[in-house]
mmCIF file of all heavy atoms, coordinates in Angstrom:
data_MODEL
# 
_entry.id   MODEL 
# 
loop_
_atom_site.group_PDB 
_atom_site.id 
_atom_site.type_symbol 
_atom_site.label_atom_id 
_atom_site.label_alt_id 
_atom_site.label_comp_id 
_atom_site.label_asym_id 
_atom_site.label_entity_id 
_atom_site.label_seq_id 
_atom_site.pdbx_PDB_ins_code 
_atom_site.Cartn_x 
_atom_site.Cartn_y 
_atom_site.Cartn_z 
_atom_site.occupancy 
_atom_site.B_iso_or_equiv 
_atom_site.pdbx_formal_charge 
_atom_site.auth_seq_id 
_atom_site.auth_comp_id 
_atom_site.auth_asym_id 
_atom_site.auth_atom_id 
_atom_site.pdbx_PDB_model_num 
ATOM 1   N N   . SER A 1 1  ? 80.959  103.430 97.505  1.00 0.00 ? 1  SER A N   1 
ATOM 2   C CA  . SER A 1 1  ? 81.692  102.173 97.507  1.00 0.00 ? 1  SER A CA  1 
ATOM 3   C C   . SER A 1 1  ? 82.770  102.168 98.578  1.00 0.00 ? 1  SER A C   1 
ATOM 4   O O   . SER A 1 1  ? 83.302  103.217 98.957  1.00 0.00 ? 1  SER A O   1 
ATOM 5   C CB  . SER A 1 1  ? 82.349  101.926 96.148  1.00 0.00 ? 1  SER A CB  1 
ATOM 6   O OG  . SER A 1 1  ? 81.397  101.835 95.107  1.00 0.00 ? 1  SER A OG  1 
ATOM 7   N N   . LEU A 1 2  ? 83.081  100.984 99.055  1.00 0.00 ? 2  LEU A N   1 
ATOM 8   C CA  . LEU A 1 2  ? 84.192  100.756 99.963  1.00 0.00 ? 2  LEU A CA  1 
ATOM 9   C C   . LEU A 1 2  ? 84.831  99.425  99.621  1.00 0.00 ? 2  LEU A C   1 
ATOM 10  O O   . LEU A 1 2  ? 84.152  98.516  99.138  1.00 0.00 ? 2  LEU A O   1 
ATOM 11  C CB  . LEU A 1 2  ? 83.742  100.714 101.423 1.00 0.00 ? 2  LEU A CB  1 
ATOM 12  C CG  . LEU A 1 2  ? 83.407  102.008 102.150 1.00 0.00 ? 2  LEU A CG  1 
ATOM 13  C CD1 . LEU A 1 2  ? 82.841  101.679 103.530 1.00 0.00 ? 2  LEU A CD1 1 
ATOM 14  C CD2 . LEU A 1 2  ? 84.637  102.892 102.272 1.00 0.00 ? 2  LEU A CD2 1 
ATOM 15  N N   . ARG A 1 3  ? 86.121  99.315  99.882  1.00 0.00 ? 3  ARG A N   1 
ATOM 16  C CA  . ARG A 1 3  ? 86.792  98.028  99.793  1.00 0.00 ? 3  ARG A CA  1 
ATOM 17  C C   . ARG A 1 3  ? 87.370  97.679  101.144 1.00 0.00 ? 3  ARG A C   1 
ATOM 18  O O   . ARG A 1 3  ? 88.234  98.393  101.666 1.00 0.00 ? 3  ARG A O   1 
ATOM 19  C CB  . ARG A 1 3  ? 87.900  98.027  98.739  1.00 0.00 ? 3  ARG A CB  1 
ATOM 20  C CG  . ARG A 1 3  ? 88.457  96.613  98.515  1.00 0.00 ? 3  ARG A CG  1 
ATOM 21  C CD  . ARG A 1 3  ? 89.481  96.528  97.419  1.00 0.00 ? 3  ARG A CD  1 
ATOM 22  N NE  . ARG A 1 3  ? 90.791  96.995  97.853  1.00 0.00 ? 3  ARG A NE  1 
ATOM 23  C CZ  . ARG A 1 3  ? 91.930  96.681  97.255  1.00 0.00 ? 3  ARG A CZ  1 
ATOM 24  N NH1 . ARG A 1 3  ? 91.918  95.885  96.179  1.00 0.00 ? 3  ARG A NH1 1 
ATOM 25  N NH2 . ARG A 1 3  ? 93.067  97.160  97.703  1.00 0.00 ? 3  ARG A NH2 1 
ATOM 26  N N   . LEU A 1 4  ? 86.897  96.586  101.700 1.00 0.00 ? 4  LEU A N   1 
ATOM 27  C CA  . LEU A 1 4  ? 87.408  96.092  102.959 1.00 0.00 ? 4  LEU A CA  1 
ATOM 28  C C   . LEU A 1 4  ? 88.555  95.129  102.705 1.00 0.00 ? 4  LEU A C   1 
ATOM 29  O O   . LEU A 1 4  ? 88.538  94.368  101.742 1.00 0.00 ? 4  LEU A O   1 
ATOM 30  C CB  . LEU A 1 4  ? 86.315  95.377  103.754 1.00 0.00 ? 4  LEU A CB  1 
ATOM 31  C CG  . LEU A 1 4  ? 85.030  96.162  104.024 1.00 0.00 ? 4  LEU A CG  1 
ATOM 32  C CD1 . LEU A 1 4  ? 84.097  95.336  104.897 1.00 0.00 ? 4  LEU A CD1 1 
ATOM 33  C CD2 . LEU A 1 4  ? 85.338  97.507  104.666 1.00 0.00 ? 4  LEU A CD2 1 
ATOM 34  N N   . SER A 1 5  ? 89.537  95.158  103.590 1.00 0.00 ? 5  SER A N   1 
ATOM 35  C CA  . SER A 1 5  ? 90.667  94.251  103.509 1.00 0.00 ? 5  SER A CA  1 
ATOM 36  C C   . SER A 1 5  ? 90.766  93.436  104.785 1.00 0.00 ? 5  SER A C   1 
ATOM 37  O O   . SER A 1 5  ? 90.428  93.913  105.868 1.00 0.00 ? 5  SER A O   1 
ATOM 38  C CB  . SER A 1 5  ? 91.978  95.020  103.311 1.00 0.00 ? 5  SER A CB  1 
ATOM 39  O OG  . SER A 1 5  ? 91.967  95.743  102.100 1.00 0.00 ? 5  SER A OG  1 
ATOM 40  N N   . CYS A 1 6  ? 91.228  92.224  104.655 1.00 0.00 ? 6  CYS A N   1 
ATOM 41  C CA  . CYS A 1 6  ? 91.465  91.339  105.792 1.00 0.00 ? 6  CYS A CA  1 
ATOM 42  C C   . CYS A 1 6  ? 92.864  90.776  105.639 1.00 0.00 ? 6  CYS A C   1 
ATOM 43  O O   . CYS A 1 6  ? 93.100  89.905  104.788 1.00 0.00 ? 6  CYS A O   1 
ATOM 44  C CB  . CYS A 1 6  ? 90.415  90.233  105.826 1.00 0.00 ? 6  CYS A CB  1 
ATOM 45  S SG  . CYS A 1 6  ? 90.739  88.932  107.037 1.00 0.00 ? 6  CYS A SG  1 
ATOM 46  N N   . ALA A 1 7  ? 93.784  91.281  106.434 1.00 0.00 ? 7  ALA A N   1 
ATOM 47  C CA  . ALA A 1 7  ? 95.172  90.841  106.374 1.00 0.00 ? 7  ALA A CA  1 
ATOM 48  C C   . ALA A 1 7  ? 95.376  89.656  107.313 1.00 0.00 ? 7  ALA A C   1 
ATOM 49  O O   . ALA A 1 7  ? 95.044  89.727  108.493 1.00 0.00 ? 7  ALA A O   1 
ATOM 50  C CB  . ALA A 1 7  ? 96.103  91.979  106.751 1.00 0.00 ? 7  ALA A CB  1 
ATOM 51  N N   . ALA A 1 8  ? 95.925  88.583  106.782 1.00 0.00 ? 8  ALA A N   1 
ATOM 52  C CA  . ALA A 1 8  ? 96.171  87.379  107.555 1.00 0.00 ? 8  ALA A CA  1 
ATOM 53  C C   . ALA A 1 8  ? 97.633  87.296  107.972 1.00 0.00 ? 8  ALA A C   1 
ATOM 54  O O   . ALA A 1 8  ? 98.524  87.779  107.264 1.00 0.00 ? 8  ALA A O   1 
ATOM 55  C CB  . ALA A 1 8  ? 95.793  86.136  106.759 1.00 0.00 ? 8  ALA A CB  1 
ATOM 56  N N   . SER A 1 9  ? 97.879  86.680  109.115 1.00 0.00 ? 9  SER A N   1 
ATOM 57  C CA  . SER A 1 9  ? 99.224  86.586  109.667 1.00 0.00 ? 9  SER A CA  1 
ATOM 58  C C   . SER A 1 9  ? 100.049 85.460  109.066 1.00 0.00 ? 9  SER A C   1 
ATOM 59  O O   . SER A 1 9  ? 101.224 85.304  109.406 1.00 0.00 ? 9  SER A O   1 
ATOM 60  C CB  . SER A 1 9  ? 99.154  86.403  111.187 1.00 0.00 ? 9  SER A CB  1 
ATOM 61  O OG  . SER A 1 9  ? 98.508  85.185  111.511 1.00 0.00 ? 9  SER A OG  1 
ATOM 62  N N   . ARG A 1 10 ? 99.463  84.705  108.196 1.00 0.00 ? 10 ARG A N   1 
ATOM 63  C CA  . ARG A 1 10 ? 100.134 83.589  107.557 1.00 0.00 ? 10 ARG A CA  1 
ATOM 64  C C   . ARG A 1 10 ? 99.605  83.422  106.152 1.00 0.00 ? 10 ARG A C   1 
ATOM 65  O O   . ARG A 1 10 ? 98.637  84.073  105.754 1.00 0.00 ? 10 ARG A O   1 
ATOM 66  C CB  . ARG A 1 10 ? 99.926  82.301  108.349 1.00 0.00 ? 10 ARG A CB  1 
ATOM 67  C CG  . ARG A 1 10 ? 98.463  82.010  108.693 1.00 0.00 ? 10 ARG A CG  1 
ATOM 68  C CD  . ARG A 1 10 ? 98.163  80.551  108.812 1.00 0.00 ? 10 ARG A CD  1 
ATOM 69  N NE  . ARG A 1 10 ? 98.038  79.922  107.505 1.00 0.00 ? 10 ARG A NE  1 
ATOM 70  C CZ  . ARG A 1 10 ? 97.725  78.654  107.309 1.00 0.00 ? 10 ARG A CZ  1 
ATOM 71  N NH1 . ARG A 1 10 ? 97.544  77.848  108.357 1.00 0.00 ? 10 ARG A NH1 1 
ATOM 72  N NH2 . ARG A 1 10 ? 97.614  78.169  106.087 1.00 0.00 ? 10 ARG A NH2 1 
ATOM 73  N N   . SER A 1 11 ? 100.221 82.529  105.415 1.00 0.00 ? 11 SER A N   1 
ATOM 74  C CA  . SER A 1 11 ? 99.758  82.226  104.071 1.00 0.00 ? 11 SER A CA  1 
ATOM 75  C C   . SER A 1 11 ? 98.314  81.752  104.091 1.00 0.00 ? 11 SER A C   1 
ATOM 76  O O   . SER A 1 11 ? 97.913  80.988  104.968 1.00 0.00 ? 11 SER A O   1 
ATOM 77  C CB  . SER A 1 11 ? 100.646 81.159  103.437 1.00 0.00 ? 11 SER A CB  1 
ATOM 78  O OG  . SER A 1 11 ? 100.115 80.735  102.204 1.00 0.00 ? 11 SER A OG  1 
ATOM 79  N N   . ILE A 1 12 ? 97.545  82.216  103.126 1.00 0.00 ? 12 ILE A N   1 
ATOM 80  C CA  . ILE A 1 12 ? 96.151  81.789  103.026 1.00 0.00 ? 12 ILE A CA  1 
ATOM 81  C C   . ILE A 1 12 ? 95.942  80.827  101.863 1.00 0.00 ? 12 ILE A C   1 
ATOM 82  O O   . ILE A 1 12 ? 94.804  80.460  101.570 1.00 0.00 ? 12 ILE A O   1 
ATOM 83  C CB  . ILE A 1 12 ? 95.195  82.995  102.896 1.00 0.00 ? 12 ILE A CB  1 
ATOM 84  C CG1 . ILE A 1 12 ? 95.477  83.771  101.601 1.00 0.00 ? 12 ILE A CG1 1 
ATOM 85  C CG2 . ILE A 1 12 ? 95.306  83.900  104.113 1.00 0.00 ? 12 ILE A CG2 1 
ATOM 86  C CD1 . ILE A 1 12 ? 94.444  84.856  101.313 1.00 0.00 ? 12 ILE A CD1 1 
ATOM 87  N N   . ASP A 1 13 ? 97.033  80.411  101.246 1.00 0.00 ? 13 ASP A N   1 
ATOM 88  C CA  . ASP A 1 13 ? 96.942  79.527  100.081 1.00 0.00 ? 13 ASP A CA  1 
ATOM 89  C C   . ASP A 1 13 ? 96.129  78.278  100.358 1.00 0.00 ? 13 ASP A C   1 
ATOM 90  O O   . ASP A 1 13 ? 95.355  77.830  99.509  1.00 0.00 ? 13 ASP A O   1 
ATOM 91  C CB  . ASP A 1 13 ? 98.339  79.099  99.628  1.00 0.00 ? 13 ASP A CB  1 
ATOM 92  C CG  . ASP A 1 13 ? 99.181  80.234  99.113  1.00 0.00 ? 13 ASP A CG  1 
ATOM 93  O OD1 . ASP A 1 13 ? 98.800  81.404  99.301  1.00 0.00 ? 13 ASP A OD1 1 
ATOM 94  O OD2 . ASP A 1 13 ? 100.238 79.947  98.516  1.00 0.00 ? 13 ASP A OD2 1 
ATOM 95  N N   . SER A 1 14 ? 96.325  77.692  101.536 1.00 0.00 ? 14 SER A N   1 
ATOM 96  C CA  . SER A 1 14 ? 95.710  76.414  101.859 1.00 0.00 ? 14 SER A CA  1 
ATOM 97  C C   . SER A 1 14 ? 94.441  76.533  102.690 1.00 0.00 ? 14 SER A C   1 
ATOM 98  O O   . SER A 1 14 ? 93.883  75.511  103.098 1.00 0.00 ? 14 SER A O   1 
ATOM 99  C CB  . SER A 1 14 ? 96.709  75.522  102.596 1.00 0.00 ? 14 SER A CB  1 
ATOM 100 O OG  . SER A 1 14 ? 97.111  76.113  103.815 1.00 0.00 ? 14 SER A OG  1 
ATOM 101 N N   . ILE A 1 15 ? 93.995  77.755  102.950 1.00 0.00 ? 15 ILE A N   1 
ATOM 102 C CA  . ILE A 1 15 ? 92.763  77.939  103.707 1.00 0.00 ? 15 ILE A CA  1 
ATOM 103 C C   . ILE A 1 15 ? 91.592  77.729  102.767 1.00 0.00 ? 15 ILE A C   1 
ATOM 104 O O   . ILE A 1 15 ? 91.374  78.520  101.848 1.00 0.00 ? 15 ILE A O   1 
ATOM 105 C CB  . ILE A 1 15 ? 92.699  79.329  104.359 1.00 0.00 ? 15 ILE A CB  1 
ATOM 106 C CG1 . ILE A 1 15 ? 93.879  79.511  105.314 1.00 0.00 ? 15 ILE A CG1 1 
ATOM 107 C CG2 . ILE A 1 15 ? 91.376  79.509  105.089 1.00 0.00 ? 15 ILE A CG2 1 
ATOM 108 C CD1 . ILE A 1 15 ? 93.940  80.877  105.958 1.00 0.00 ? 15 ILE A CD1 1 
ATOM 109 N N   . ASN A 1 16 ? 90.846  76.671  103.010 1.00 0.00 ? 16 ASN A N   1 
ATOM 110 C CA  . ASN A 1 16 ? 89.803  76.280  102.073 1.00 0.00 ? 16 ASN A CA  1 
ATOM 111 C C   . ASN A 1 16 ? 88.718  77.333  101.919 1.00 0.00 ? 16 ASN A C   1 
ATOM 112 O O   . ASN A 1 16 ? 88.296  77.635  100.799 1.00 0.00 ? 16 ASN A O   1 
ATOM 113 C CB  . ASN A 1 16 ? 89.174  74.954  102.490 1.00 0.00 ? 16 ASN A CB  1 
ATOM 114 C CG  . ASN A 1 16 ? 88.151  74.467  101.482 1.00 0.00 ? 16 ASN A CG  1 
ATOM 115 O OD1 . ASN A 1 16 ? 88.491  74.183  100.338 1.00 0.00 ? 16 ASN A OD1 1 
ATOM 116 N ND2 . ASN A 1 16 ? 86.895  74.373  101.907 1.00 0.00 ? 16 ASN A ND2 1 
ATOM 117 N N   . THR A 1 17 ? 88.263  77.874  103.049 1.00 0.00 ? 17 THR A N   1 
ATOM 118 C CA  . THR A 1 17 ? 87.146  78.800  103.005 1.00 0.00 ? 17 THR A CA  1 
ATOM 119 C C   . THR A 1 17 ? 87.447  80.053  103.816 1.00 0.00 ? 17 THR A C   1 
ATOM 120 O O   . THR A 1 17 ? 87.835  79.960  104.977 1.00 0.00 ? 17 THR A O   1 
ATOM 121 C CB  . THR A 1 17 ? 85.864  78.154  103.545 1.00 0.00 ? 17 THR A CB  1 
ATOM 122 O OG1 . THR A 1 17 ? 85.574  76.975  102.787 1.00 0.00 ? 17 THR A OG1 1 
ATOM 123 C CG2 . THR A 1 17 ? 84.687  79.120  103.431 1.00 0.00 ? 17 THR A CG2 1 
ATOM 124 N N   . MET A 1 18 ? 87.255  81.192  103.200 1.00 0.00 ? 18 MET A N   1 
ATOM 125 C CA  . MET A 1 18 ? 87.320  82.457  103.899 1.00 0.00 ? 18 MET A CA  1 
ATOM 126 C C   . MET A 1 18 ? 86.013  83.197  103.652 1.00 0.00 ? 18 MET A C   1 
ATOM 127 O O   . MET A 1 18 ? 85.406  83.063  102.585 1.00 0.00 ? 18 MET A O   1 
ATOM 128 C CB  . MET A 1 18 ? 88.513  83.293  103.450 1.00 0.00 ? 18 MET A CB  1 
ATOM 129 C CG  . MET A 1 18 ? 89.846  82.602  103.703 1.00 0.00 ? 18 MET A CG  1 
ATOM 130 S SD  . MET A 1 18 ? 91.279  83.688  103.512 1.00 0.00 ? 18 MET A SD  1 
ATOM 131 C CE  . MET A 1 18 ? 91.132  84.700  105.002 1.00 0.00 ? 18 MET A CE  1 
ATOM 132 N N   . THR A 1 19 ? 85.591  83.952  104.645 1.00 0.00 ? 19 THR A N   1 
ATOM 133 C CA  . THR A 1 19 ? 84.276  84.580  104.582 1.00 0.00 ? 19 THR A CA  1 
ATOM 134 C C   . THR A 1 19 ? 84.300  86.007  105.099 1.00 0.00 ? 19 THR A C   1 
ATOM 135 O O   . THR A 1 19 ? 85.189  86.415  105.849 1.00 0.00 ? 19 THR A O   1 
ATOM 136 C CB  . THR A 1 19 ? 83.237  83.804  105.411 1.00 0.00 ? 19 THR A CB  1 
ATOM 137 O OG1 . THR A 1 19 ? 83.582  83.867  106.803 1.00 0.00 ? 19 THR A OG1 1 
ATOM 138 C CG2 . THR A 1 19 ? 83.150  82.351  104.979 1.00 0.00 ? 19 THR A CG2 1 
ATOM 139 N N   . TRP A 1 20 ? 83.301  86.743  104.676 1.00 0.00 ? 20 TRP A N   1 
ATOM 140 C CA  . TRP A 1 20 ? 82.931  88.007  105.285 1.00 0.00 ? 20 TRP A CA  1 
ATOM 141 C C   . TRP A 1 20 ? 81.535  87.847  105.868 1.00 0.00 ? 20 TRP A C   1 
ATOM 142 O O   . TRP A 1 20 ? 80.636  87.332  105.202 1.00 0.00 ? 20 TRP A O   1 
ATOM 143 C CB  . TRP A 1 20 ? 82.922  89.152  104.277 1.00 0.00 ? 20 TRP A CB  1 
ATOM 144 C CG  . TRP A 1 20 ? 84.274  89.625  103.865 1.00 0.00 ? 20 TRP A CG  1 
ATOM 145 C CD1 . TRP A 1 20 ? 84.956  89.300  102.731 1.00 0.00 ? 20 TRP A CD1 1 
ATOM 146 C CD2 . TRP A 1 20 ? 85.107  90.545  104.586 1.00 0.00 ? 20 TRP A CD2 1 
ATOM 147 N NE1 . TRP A 1 20 ? 86.160  89.945  102.690 1.00 0.00 ? 20 TRP A NE1 1 
ATOM 148 C CE2 . TRP A 1 20 ? 86.282  90.718  103.821 1.00 0.00 ? 20 TRP A CE2 1 
ATOM 149 C CE3 . TRP A 1 20 ? 84.976  91.231  105.791 1.00 0.00 ? 20 TRP A CE3 1 
ATOM 150 C CZ2 . TRP A 1 20 ? 87.320  91.553  104.231 1.00 0.00 ? 20 TRP A CZ2 1 
ATOM 151 C CZ3 . TRP A 1 20 ? 86.013  92.059  106.202 1.00 0.00 ? 20 TRP A CZ3 1 
ATOM 152 C CH2 . TRP A 1 20 ? 87.165  92.213  105.419 1.00 0.00 ? 20 TRP A CH2 1 
ATOM 153 N N   . SER A 1 21 ? 81.385  88.285  107.101 1.00 0.00 ? 21 SER A N   1 
ATOM 154 C CA  . SER A 1 21 ? 80.094  88.322  107.761 1.00 0.00 ? 21 SER A CA  1 
ATOM 155 C C   . SER A 1 21 ? 79.882  89.717  108.312 1.00 0.00 ? 21 SER A C   1 
ATOM 156 O O   . SER A 1 21 ? 80.819  90.514  108.383 1.00 0.00 ? 21 SER A O   1 
ATOM 157 C CB  . SER A 1 21 ? 80.020  87.285  108.886 1.00 0.00 ? 21 SER A CB  1 
ATOM 158 O OG  . SER A 1 21 ? 80.202  85.973  108.387 1.00 0.00 ? 21 SER A OG  1 
ATOM 159 N N   . ARG A 1 22 ? 78.661  90.013  108.700 1.00 0.00 ? 22 ARG A N   1 
ATOM 160 C CA  . ARG A 1 22 ? 78.388  91.321  109.289 1.00 0.00 ? 22 ARG A CA  1 
ATOM 161 C C   . ARG A 1 22 ? 77.351  91.194  110.386 1.00 0.00 ? 22 ARG A C   1 
ATOM 162 O O   . ARG A 1 22 ? 76.545  90.267  110.402 1.00 0.00 ? 22 ARG A O   1 
ATOM 163 C CB  . ARG A 1 22 ? 77.920  92.324  108.230 1.00 0.00 ? 22 ARG A CB  1 
ATOM 164 C CG  . ARG A 1 22 ? 76.567  92.001  107.617 1.00 0.00 ? 22 ARG A CG  1 
ATOM 165 C CD  . ARG A 1 22 ? 76.271  92.939  106.467 1.00 0.00 ? 22 ARG A CD  1 
ATOM 166 N NE  . ARG A 1 22 ? 74.971  92.703  105.881 1.00 0.00 ? 22 ARG A NE  1 
ATOM 167 C CZ  . ARG A 1 22 ? 74.518  93.299  104.785 1.00 0.00 ? 22 ARG A CZ  1 
ATOM 168 N NH1 . ARG A 1 22 ? 75.289  94.171  104.142 1.00 0.00 ? 22 ARG A NH1 1 
ATOM 169 N NH2 . ARG A 1 22 ? 73.305  93.018  104.321 1.00 0.00 ? 22 ARG A NH2 1 
ATOM 170 N N   . GLN A 1 23 ? 77.390  92.154  111.288 1.00 0.00 ? 23 GLN A N   1 
ATOM 171 C CA  . GLN A 1 23 ? 76.438  92.190  112.375 1.00 0.00 ? 23 GLN A CA  1 
ATOM 172 C C   . GLN A 1 23 ? 75.982  93.628  112.584 1.00 0.00 ? 23 GLN A C   1 
ATOM 173 O O   . GLN A 1 23 ? 76.782  94.494  112.936 1.00 0.00 ? 23 GLN A O   1 
ATOM 174 C CB  . GLN A 1 23 ? 77.029  91.630  113.666 1.00 0.00 ? 23 GLN A CB  1 
ATOM 175 C CG  . GLN A 1 23 ? 76.013  91.469  114.773 1.00 0.00 ? 23 GLN A CG  1 
ATOM 176 C CD  . GLN A 1 23 ? 76.508  90.565  115.887 1.00 0.00 ? 23 GLN A CD  1 
ATOM 177 O OE1 . GLN A 1 23 ? 77.708  90.406  116.076 1.00 0.00 ? 23 GLN A OE1 1 
ATOM 178 N NE2 . GLN A 1 23 ? 75.587  89.965  116.604 1.00 0.00 ? 23 GLN A NE2 1 
ATOM 179 N N   . ALA A 1 24 ? 74.704  93.859  112.341 1.00 0.00 ? 24 ALA A N   1 
ATOM 180 C CA  . ALA A 1 24 ? 74.095  95.160  112.562 1.00 0.00 ? 24 ALA A CA  1 
ATOM 181 C C   . ALA A 1 24 ? 73.554  95.225  113.984 1.00 0.00 ? 24 ALA A C   1 
ATOM 182 O O   . ALA A 1 24 ? 73.301  94.191  114.607 1.00 0.00 ? 24 ALA A O   1 
ATOM 183 C CB  . ALA A 1 24 ? 72.985  95.394  111.550 1.00 0.00 ? 24 ALA A CB  1 
ATOM 184 N N   . PRO A 1 25 ? 73.364  96.428  114.510 1.00 0.00 ? 25 PRO A N   1 
ATOM 185 C CA  . PRO A 1 25 ? 72.831  96.563  115.872 1.00 0.00 ? 25 PRO A CA  1 
ATOM 186 C C   . PRO A 1 25 ? 71.521  95.812  116.042 1.00 0.00 ? 25 PRO A C   1 
ATOM 187 O O   . PRO A 1 25 ? 70.599  95.958  115.248 1.00 0.00 ? 25 PRO A O   1 
ATOM 188 C CB  . PRO A 1 25 ? 72.629  98.066  116.020 1.00 0.00 ? 25 PRO A CB  1 
ATOM 189 C CG  . PRO A 1 25 ? 73.628  98.672  115.092 1.00 0.00 ? 25 PRO A CG  1 
ATOM 190 C CD  . PRO A 1 25 ? 73.668  97.745  113.913 1.00 0.00 ? 25 PRO A CD  1 
ATOM 191 N N   . GLY A 1 26 ? 71.445  94.998  117.083 1.00 0.00 ? 26 GLY A N   1 
ATOM 192 C CA  . GLY A 1 26 ? 70.240  94.250  117.378 1.00 0.00 ? 26 GLY A CA  1 
ATOM 193 C C   . GLY A 1 26 ? 69.975  93.071  116.462 1.00 0.00 ? 26 GLY A C   1 
ATOM 194 O O   . GLY A 1 26 ? 68.907  92.459  116.564 1.00 0.00 ? 26 GLY A O   1 
# 
């Protein structure tokens, strides 16, 4: 298991959508 974190430079209260995406080689 791993837990990834994404720290934002501002409040995220009003950000409607946040996502995680990934890109594998090729």
